[in-house]
Amino acid sequence: MASLELLGFGSTGWGALLIAAALMTLAVTATALAIGAVLGAIIAAAKLSGNLILVTLGNVYTTVFRGVPELLIIYLIYFGGSSAVTAIGQAMGYEGFLGLPSFIAGALAVGIISGAYQAEVFRGAFLAISKGELEAASAIGMHRGMRLRRIIMPQVFRLAIPGLGNVWQLSLKDSALISVTGLAELMRTSQVAAGSTRQYFLFFIAGGCLYLLLTSLSDRIFNGAERRANRSMPASAMGQT
């Protein structure tokens, strides 16, 4: 019972701190997914462009950031970014070390990794679109921007939802690695609580349960979004994919 009391959810209990850390984990993961979506869309467009240089650059990006360990990327962004910020500060006359904020470094690192996976999700979704629809749109005089807005983007989004759900779950778990930067996300807070109280089993289990809760809720949200997106599409379009 004494151990369970440590998980009190009052304003000063470890339970409240774990909840706050879980919200921080959600915030950094959502920011990383947004960064990855922008990078992924750019890389997917490059790989689909047909231009040899752009295709090569896109392939290099996805190969490197899917092949290099996530922790190494986080170290490079955090410590390399801090060195770059310090150098800029010193050039402007500031003395001393300037560290890159842990949240920004973590979200950027996970976002870059996420972008490599999202690029493949977007590319696959685009290739799944019926070519007949695009040809028909061109035949009736739709210009490129209108085809992108009214045909390509809605269908790419619909087809990409399952893959984006997987990328979200991957990023959610990768966020645990950001604990090495000192950010008080769920893994870091679980470690601090376990070390402070010597109740390692209790707090690591509690952290694991919160991760499972986050992933379960995420699954429900993405599944609901997929069902909603499929209902909004004509039956003929769904049959073609």
C-alpha atoms as a PDB file:
ATOM      1  CA  MET A   1       0.000   0.000   0.000  1.00  0.00           C
ATOM      2  CA  ALA A   2       2.847   2.366   0.797  1.00  0.00           C
ATOM      3  CA  SER A   3       4.192   1.820  -2.708  1.00  0.00           C
ATOM      4  CA  LEU A   4       0.825   2.564  -4.277  1.00  0.00           C
ATOM      5  CA  GLU A   5       0.519   5.736  -2.235  1.00  0.00           C
ATOM      6  CA  LEU A   6       3.580   7.036  -4.083  1.00  0.00           C
ATOM      7  CA  LEU A   7       1.403   7.122  -7.198  1.00  0.00           C
ATOM      8  CA  GLY A   8      -0.959   9.615  -5.593  1.00  0.00           C
ATOM      9  CA  PHE A   9      -2.524  11.931  -8.162  1.00  0.00           C
ATOM     10  CA  GLY A  10      -2.552  15.025  -6.013  1.00  0.00           C
ATOM     11  CA  SER A  11      -0.733  18.179  -7.012  1.00  0.00           C
ATOM     12  CA  THR A  12       2.509  16.931  -5.425  1.00  0.00           C
ATOM     13  CA  GLY A  13       2.233  13.179  -6.137  1.00  0.00           C
ATOM     14  CA  TRP A  14       4.353  11.256  -8.616  1.00  0.00           C
ATOM     15  CA  GLY A  15       1.155  10.217 -10.386  1.00  0.00           C
ATOM     16  CA  ALA A  16       0.435  13.828 -11.346  1.00  0.00           C
ATOM     17  CA  LEU A  17       3.989  14.199 -12.630  1.00  0.00           C
ATOM     18  CA  LEU A  18       3.621  11.039 -14.735  1.00  0.00           C
ATOM     19  CA  ILE A  19       0.398  12.384 -16.246  1.00  0.00           C
ATOM     20  CA  ALA A  20       2.132  15.674 -17.044  1.00  0.00           C
ATOM     21  CA  ALA A  21       5.016  13.720 -18.574  1.00  0.00           C
ATOM     22  CA  ALA A  22       2.569  11.707 -20.700  1.00  0.00           C
ATOM     23  CA  LEU A  23       1.112  14.977 -22.016  1.00  0.00           C
ATOM     24  CA  MET A  24       4.652  16.163 -22.788  1.00  0.00           C
ATOM     25  CA  THR A  25       5.229  12.910 -24.690  1.00  0.00           C
ATOM     26  CA  LEU A  26       2.076  13.564 -26.734  1.00  0.00           C
ATOM     27  CA  ALA A  27       3.164  17.143 -27.427  1.00  0.00           C
ATOM     28  CA  VAL A  28       6.639  16.208 -28.646  1.00  0.00           C
ATOM     29  CA  THR A  29       5.260  13.320 -30.736  1.00  0.00           C
ATOM     30  CA  ALA A  30       2.589  15.502 -32.363  1.00  0.00           C
ATOM     31  CA  THR A  31       5.191  18.180 -33.153  1.00  0.00           C
ATOM     32  CA  ALA A  32       7.519  15.547 -34.577  1.00  0.00           C
ATOM     33  CA  LEU A  33       4.735  14.080 -36.724  1.00  0.00           C
ATOM     34  CA  ALA A  34       3.945  17.546 -38.127  1.00  0.00           C
ATOM     35  CA  ILE A  35       7.621  18.156 -38.947  1.00  0.00           C
ATOM     36  CA  GLY A  36       7.820  14.693 -40.492  1.00  0.00           C
ATOM     37  CA  ALA A  37       4.701  15.300 -42.581  1.00  0.00           C
ATOM     38  CA  VAL A  38       6.256  18.376 -44.188  1.00  0.00           C
ATOM     39  CA  LEU A  39       9.580  16.623 -44.800  1.00  0.00           C
ATOM     40  CA  GLY A  40       7.841  13.436 -45.945  1.00  0.00           C
ATOM     41  CA  ALA A  41       5.699  15.281 -48.479  1.00  0.00           C
ATOM     42  CA  ILE A  42       8.770  17.030 -49.908  1.00  0.00           C
ATOM     43  CA  ILE A  43      10.789  13.810 -50.105  1.00  0.00           C
ATOM     44  CA  ALA A  44       7.876  11.874 -51.614  1.00  0.00           C
ATOM     45  CA  ALA A  45       7.446  14.564 -54.269  1.00  0.00           C
ATOM     46  CA  ALA A  46      11.164  14.374 -55.007  1.00  0.00           C
ATOM     47  CA  LYS A  47      11.078  10.591 -55.389  1.00  0.00           C
ATOM     48  CA  LEU A  48       8.047  10.806 -57.676  1.00  0.00           C
ATOM     49  CA  SER A  49       9.421  13.671 -59.761  1.00  0.00           C
ATOM     50  CA  GLY A  50      11.327  11.516 -62.243  1.00  0.00           C
ATOM     51  CA  ASN A  51      14.309  13.846 -61.949  1.00  0.00           C
ATOM     52  CA  LEU A  52      17.417  11.724 -61.380  1.00  0.00           C
ATOM     53  CA  ILE A  53      19.033  14.153 -58.931  1.00  0.00           C
ATOM     54  CA  LEU A  54      15.864  14.621 -56.871  1.00  0.00           C
ATOM     55  CA  VAL A  55      15.114  10.898 -56.860  1.00  0.00           C
ATOM     56  CA  THR A  56      18.663  10.154 -55.693  1.00  0.00           C
ATOM     57  CA  LEU A  57      18.484  12.755 -52.916  1.00  0.00           C
ATOM     58  CA  GLY A  58      15.130  11.351 -51.799  1.00  0.00           C
ATOM     59  CA  ASN A  59      16.488   7.802 -51.756  1.00  0.00           C
ATOM     60  CA  VAL A  60      19.543   8.897 -49.775  1.00  0.00           C
ATOM     61  CA  TYR A  61      17.342  10.631 -47.195  1.00  0.00           C
ATOM     62  CA  THR A  62      15.028   7.674 -46.646  1.00  0.00           C
ATOM     63  CA  THR A  63      17.892   5.172 -46.617  1.00  0.00           C
ATOM     64  CA  VAL A  64      20.003   7.123 -44.125  1.00  0.00           C
ATOM     65  CA  PHE A  65      17.305   8.080 -41.653  1.00  0.00           C
ATOM     66  CA  ARG A  66      15.626   4.679 -41.708  1.00  0.00           C
ATOM     67  CA  GLY A  67      18.968   2.892 -41.374  1.00  0.00           C
ATOM     68  CA  VAL A  68      20.818   4.929 -38.743  1.00  0.00           C
ATOM     69  CA  PRO A  69      19.848   4.255 -35.089  1.00  0.00           C
ATOM     70  CA  GLU A  70      17.330   6.774 -33.764  1.00  0.00           C
ATOM     71  CA  LEU A  71      19.411   7.479 -30.665  1.00  0.00           C
ATOM     72  CA  LEU A  72      22.364   8.517 -32.819  1.00  0.00           C
ATOM     73  CA  ILE A  73      20.171  10.983 -34.721  1.00  0.00           C
ATOM     74  CA  ILE A  74      18.957  12.461 -31.426  1.00  0.00           C
ATOM     75  CA  TYR A  75      22.542  12.853 -30.192  1.00  0.00           C
ATOM     76  CA  LEU A  76      23.604  14.497 -33.447  1.00  0.00           C
ATOM     77  CA  ILE A  77      20.704  16.948 -33.430  1.00  0.00           C
ATOM     78  CA  TYR A  78      20.932  17.779 -29.714  1.00  0.00           C
ATOM     79  CA  PHE A  79      24.696  18.089 -29.278  1.00  0.00           C
ATOM     80  CA  GLY A  80      25.425  19.202 -32.847  1.00  0.00           C
ATOM     81  CA  GLY A  81      22.600  21.749 -32.693  1.00  0.00           C
ATOM     82  CA  SER A  82      23.827  23.058 -29.354  1.00  0.00           C
ATOM     83  CA  SER A  83      27.325  23.487 -30.795  1.00  0.00           C
ATOM     84  CA  ALA A  84      25.911  25.358 -33.790  1.00  0.00           C
ATOM     85  CA  VAL A  85      23.781  27.645 -31.575  1.00  0.00           C
ATOM     86  CA  THR A  86      26.813  28.319 -29.356  1.00  0.00           C
ATOM     87  CA  ALA A  87      28.956  29.185 -32.381  1.00  0.00           C
ATOM     88  CA  ILE A  88      26.308  31.601 -33.656  1.00  0.00           C
ATOM     89  CA  GLY A  89      26.004  33.167 -30.205  1.00  0.00           C
ATOM     90  CA  GLN A  90      29.750  33.634 -29.918  1.00  0.00           C
ATOM     91  CA  ALA A  91      29.839  35.232 -33.379  1.00  0.00           C
ATOM     92  CA  MET A  92      27.283  37.736 -32.100  1.00  0.00           C
ATOM     93  CA  GLY A  93      29.384  38.503 -29.014  1.00  0.00           C
ATOM     94  CA  TYR A  94      27.706  36.206 -26.500  1.00  0.00           C
ATOM     95  CA  GLU A  95      30.039  34.297 -24.201  1.00  0.00           C
ATOM     96  CA  GLY A  96      29.296  30.859 -22.837  1.00  0.00           C
ATOM     97  CA  PHE A  97      27.497  27.739 -23.937  1.00  0.00           C
ATOM     98  CA  LEU A  98      24.048  27.900 -25.507  1.00  0.00           C
ATOM     99  CA  GLY A  99      22.179  24.625 -25.434  1.00  0.00           C
ATOM    100  CA  LEU A 100      19.457  23.756 -27.904  1.00  0.00           C
ATOM    101  CA  PRO A 101      16.165  23.349 -25.981  1.00  0.00           C
ATOM    102  CA  SER A 102      15.453  19.681 -25.331  1.00  0.00           C
ATOM    103  CA  PHE A 103      11.903  19.878 -26.694  1.00  0.00           C
ATOM    104  CA  ILE A 104      13.004  21.450 -29.973  1.00  0.00           C
ATOM    105  CA  ALA A 105      15.940  19.061 -30.389  1.00  0.00           C
ATOM    106  CA  GLY A 106      13.833  16.010 -29.588  1.00  0.00           C
ATOM    107  CA  ALA A 107      10.897  16.970 -31.804  1.00  0.00           C
ATOM    108  CA  LEU A 108      13.228  17.840 -34.671  1.00  0.00           C
ATOM    109  CA  ALA A 109      15.194  14.592 -34.393  1.00  0.00           C
ATOM    110  CA  VAL A 110      12.104  12.380 -34.200  1.00  0.00           C
ATOM    111  CA  GLY A 111      10.486  14.487 -36.932  1.00  0.00           C
ATOM    112  CA  ILE A 112      13.411  13.916 -39.286  1.00  0.00           C
ATOM    113  CA  ILE A 113      13.217  10.174 -38.642  1.00  0.00           C
ATOM    114  CA  SER A 114       9.438  10.241 -39.035  1.00  0.00           C
ATOM    115  CA  GLY A 115       9.804  12.119 -42.316  1.00  0.00           C
ATOM    116  CA  ALA A 116      11.736   9.229 -43.861  1.00  0.00           C
ATOM    117  CA  TYR A 117       8.895   6.833 -43.079  1.00  0.00           C
ATOM    118  CA  GLN A 118       6.142   9.257 -44.009  1.00  0.00           C
ATOM    119  CA  ALA A 119       7.787   9.848 -47.385  1.00  0.00           C
ATOM    120  CA  GLU A 120       7.312   6.171 -48.225  1.00  0.00           C
ATOM    121  CA  VAL A 121       3.730   6.242 -46.918  1.00  0.00           C
ATOM    122  CA  PHE A 122       2.851   9.241 -49.106  1.00  0.00           C
ATOM    123  CA  ARG A 123       4.644   7.798 -52.118  1.00  0.00           C
ATOM    124  CA  GLY A 124       2.810   4.500 -51.804  1.00  0.00           C
ATOM    125  CA  ALA A 125      -0.525   6.293 -51.355  1.00  0.00           C
ATOM    126  CA  PHE A 126       0.044   8.336 -54.505  1.00  0.00           C
ATOM    127  CA  LEU A 127       0.959   5.262 -56.542  1.00  0.00           C
ATOM    128  CA  ALA A 128      -2.257   3.596 -55.367  1.00  0.00           C
ATOM    129  CA  ILE A 129      -4.423   6.303 -56.953  1.00  0.00           C
ATOM    130  CA  SER A 130      -6.135   5.122 -60.120  1.00  0.00           C
ATOM    131  CA  LYS A 131      -4.300   6.555 -63.126  1.00  0.00           C
ATOM    132  CA  GLY A 132      -7.628   6.611 -64.943  1.00  0.00           C
ATOM    133  CA  GLU A 133      -8.898   9.274 -62.564  1.00  0.00           C
ATOM    134  CA  LEU A 134      -5.904  11.494 -63.234  1.00  0.00           C
ATOM    135  CA  GLU A 135      -6.240  11.009 -66.979  1.00  0.00           C
ATOM    136  CA  ALA A 136      -9.947  11.793 -66.812  1.00  0.00           C
ATOM    137  CA  ALA A 137      -9.253  14.952 -64.814  1.00  0.00           C
ATOM    138  CA  SER A 138      -6.752  16.096 -67.432  1.00  0.00           C
ATOM    139  CA  ALA A 139      -9.198  15.270 -70.217  1.00  0.00           C
ATOM    140  CA  ILE A 140     -11.912  17.542 -68.793  1.00  0.00           C
ATOM    141  CA  GLY A 141      -9.440  20.410 -68.487  1.00  0.00           C
ATOM    142  CA  MET A 142      -8.438  20.335 -64.802  1.00  0.00           C
ATOM    143  CA  HIS A 143      -5.175  22.196 -64.361  1.00  0.00           C
ATOM    144  CA  ARG A 144      -2.399  20.731 -62.246  1.00  0.00           C
ATOM    145  CA  GLY A 145      -3.249  22.675 -59.092  1.00  0.00           C
ATOM    146  CA  MET A 146      -6.899  21.664 -59.229  1.00  0.00           C
ATOM    147  CA  ARG A 147      -6.006  17.997 -59.754  1.00  0.00           C
ATOM    148  CA  LEU A 148      -3.714  18.196 -56.746  1.00  0.00           C
ATOM    149  CA  ARG A 149      -6.337  19.861 -54.555  1.00  0.00           C
ATOM    150  CA  ARG A 150      -9.457  17.936 -55.600  1.00  0.00           C
ATOM    151  CA  ILE A 151      -8.177  14.461 -56.505  1.00  0.00           C
ATOM    152  CA  ILE A 152      -4.627  13.743 -55.423  1.00  0.00           C
ATOM    153  CA  MET A 153      -4.482  15.210 -51.906  1.00  0.00           C
ATOM    154  CA  PRO A 154      -7.842  13.827 -50.647  1.00  0.00           C
ATOM    155  CA  GLN A 155      -7.041  10.318 -51.876  1.00  0.00           C
ATOM    156  CA  VAL A 156      -3.421  10.373 -50.725  1.00  0.00           C
ATOM    157  CA  PHE A 157      -4.613  11.413 -47.269  1.00  0.00           C
ATOM    158  CA  ARG A 158      -7.244   8.662 -47.166  1.00  0.00           C
ATOM    159  CA  LEU A 159      -4.875   5.961 -48.351  1.00  0.00           C
ATOM    160  CA  ALA A 160      -2.065   7.152 -46.090  1.00  0.00           C
ATOM    161  CA  ILE A 161      -4.038   7.062 -42.811  1.00  0.00           C
ATOM    162  CA  PRO A 162      -3.155   3.442 -41.876  1.00  0.00           C
ATOM    163  CA  GLY A 163       0.525   4.041 -42.610  1.00  0.00           C
ATOM    164  CA  LEU A 164       0.509   7.333 -40.731  1.00  0.00           C
ATOM    165  CA  GLY A 165      -0.996   5.512 -37.764  1.00  0.00           C
ATOM    166  CA  ASN A 166       1.978   3.161 -37.765  1.00  0.00           C
ATOM    167  CA  VAL A 167       4.405   6.084 -38.057  1.00  0.00           C
ATOM    168  CA  TRP A 168       2.682   7.811 -35.124  1.00  0.00           C
ATOM    169  CA  GLN A 169       3.112   4.711 -32.971  1.00  0.00           C
ATOM    170  CA  LEU A 170       6.764   4.483 -34.003  1.00  0.00           C
ATOM    171  CA  SER A 171       7.332   8.147 -33.143  1.00  0.00           C
ATOM    172  CA  LEU A 172       5.523   7.736 -29.834  1.00  0.00           C
ATOM    173  CA  LYS A 173       7.952   4.990 -28.851  1.00  0.00           C
ATOM    174  CA  ASP A 174      10.954   6.887 -30.247  1.00  0.00           C
ATOM    175  CA  SER A 175      10.037   9.814 -27.983  1.00  0.00           C
ATOM    176  CA  ALA A 176      11.279   7.705 -25.056  1.00  0.00           C
ATOM    177  CA  LEU A 177      14.798   8.126 -26.431  1.00  0.00           C
ATOM    178  CA  ILE A 178      14.535  11.895 -25.981  1.00  0.00           C
ATOM    179  CA  SER A 179      14.975  11.266 -22.256  1.00  0.00           C
ATOM    180  CA  VAL A 180      18.744  11.396 -22.899  1.00  0.00           C
ATOM    181  CA  THR A 181      18.405  15.151 -23.519  1.00  0.00           C
ATOM    182  CA  GLY A 182      16.831  15.707 -20.098  1.00  0.00           C
ATOM    183  CA  LEU A 183      13.331  16.479 -21.364  1.00  0.00           C
ATOM    184  CA  ALA A 184      10.771  15.515 -18.707  1.00  0.00           C
ATOM    185  CA  GLU A 185       8.752  13.205 -20.941  1.00  0.00           C
ATOM    186  CA  LEU A 186       7.237   9.943 -19.755  1.00  0.00           C
ATOM    187  CA  MET A 187      10.363   7.779 -19.840  1.00  0.00           C
ATOM    188  CA  ARG A 188      12.543  10.382 -18.137  1.00  0.00           C
ATOM    189  CA  THR A 189       9.995  11.039 -15.403  1.00  0.00           C
ATOM    190  CA  SER A 190       9.555   7.300 -14.794  1.00  0.00           C
ATOM    191  CA  GLN A 191      13.330   6.963 -14.421  1.00  0.00           C
ATOM    192  CA  VAL A 192      13.561   9.893 -12.007  1.00  0.00           C
ATOM    193  CA  ALA A 193      10.634   8.632  -9.926  1.00  0.00           C
ATOM    194  CA  ALA A 194      12.056   5.106  -9.808  1.00  0.00           C
ATOM    195  CA  GLY A 195      15.515   6.345  -8.825  1.00  0.00           C
ATOM    196  CA  SER A 196      14.199   8.756  -6.189  1.00  0.00           C
ATOM    197  CA  THR A 197      11.925   6.243  -4.458  1.00  0.00           C
ATOM    198  CA  ARG A 198      13.815   2.996  -5.241  1.00  0.00           C
ATOM    199  CA  GLN A 199      10.461   1.635  -6.445  1.00  0.00           C
ATOM    200  CA  TYR A 200      11.771   0.632  -9.873  1.00  0.00           C
ATOM    201  CA  PHE A 201       9.177  -2.028 -10.652  1.00  0.00           C
ATOM    202  CA  LEU A 202       6.262   0.201  -9.658  1.00  0.00           C
ATOM    203  CA  PHE A 203       7.205   3.251 -11.691  1.00  0.00           C
ATOM    204  CA  PHE A 204       8.446   1.456 -14.797  1.00  0.00           C
ATOM    205  CA  ILE A 205       5.238  -0.583 -14.848  1.00  0.00           C
ATOM    206  CA  ALA A 206       3.230   2.636 -14.368  1.00  0.00           C
ATOM    207  CA  GLY A 207       5.135   4.263 -17.238  1.00  0.00           C
ATOM    208  CA  GLY A 208       4.562   1.213 -19.427  1.00  0.00           C
ATOM    209  CA  CYS A 209       0.833   1.278 -18.674  1.00  0.00           C
ATOM    210  CA  LEU A 210       0.651   4.953 -19.652  1.00  0.00           C
ATOM    211  CA  TYR A 211       2.457   4.199 -22.931  1.00  0.00           C
ATOM    212  CA  LEU A 212      -0.053   1.406 -23.608  1.00  0.00           C
ATOM    213  CA  LEU A 213      -2.906   3.790 -22.846  1.00  0.00           C
ATOM    214  CA  LEU A 214      -1.515   6.359 -25.286  1.00  0.00           C
ATOM    215  CA  THR A 215      -1.017   3.792 -28.040  1.00  0.00           C
ATOM    216  CA  SER A 216      -4.479   2.288 -27.495  1.00  0.00           C
ATOM    217  CA  LEU A 217      -6.157   5.693 -27.697  1.00  0.00           C
ATOM    218  CA  SER A 218      -4.086   6.524 -30.767  1.00  0.00           C
ATOM    219  CA  ASP A 219      -5.234   3.323 -32.459  1.00  0.00           C
ATOM    220  CA  ARG A 220      -8.869   4.221 -31.853  1.00  0.00           C
ATOM    221  CA  ILE A 221      -8.383   7.721 -33.224  1.00  0.00           C
ATOM    222  CA  PHE A 222      -6.633   6.577 -36.404  1.00  0.00           C
ATOM    223  CA  ASN A 223      -9.117   3.751 -36.962  1.00  0.00           C
ATOM    224  CA  GLY A 224     -11.971   6.226 -36.583  1.00  0.00           C
ATOM    225  CA  ALA A 225     -10.289   8.640 -39.000  1.00  0.00           C
ATOM    226  CA  GLU A 226      -9.838   5.833 -41.536  1.00  0.00           C
ATOM    227  CA  ARG A 227     -13.503   4.802 -41.322  1.00  0.00           C
ATOM    228  CA  ARG A 228     -14.625   8.415 -41.664  1.00  0.00           C
ATOM    229  CA  ALA A 229     -12.361   9.014 -44.662  1.00  0.00           C
ATOM    230  CA  ASN A 230     -13.584   5.851 -46.393  1.00  0.00           C
ATOM    231  CA  ARG A 231     -17.239   6.804 -45.837  1.00  0.00           C
ATOM    232  CA  SER A 232     -16.638  10.165 -47.498  1.00  0.00           C
ATOM    233  CA  MET A 233     -15.309   8.575 -50.691  1.00  0.00           C
ATOM    234  CA  PRO A 234     -17.515   7.358 -53.533  1.00  0.00           C
ATOM    235  CA  ALA A 235     -17.852   3.571 -53.728  1.00  0.00           C
ATOM    236  CA  SER A 236     -16.333   3.556 -57.198  1.00  0.00           C
ATOM    237  CA  ALA A 237     -13.191   5.299 -55.978  1.00  0.00           C
ATOM    238  CA  MET A 238     -12.815   2.835 -53.108  1.00  0.00           C
ATOM    239  CA  GLY A 239     -13.217  -0.082 -55.471  1.00  0.00           C
ATOM    240  CA  GLN A 240     -10.456   1.160 -57.711  1.00  0.00           C
ATOM    241  CA  THR A 241      -7.967   1.116 -54.849  1.00  0.00           C
END
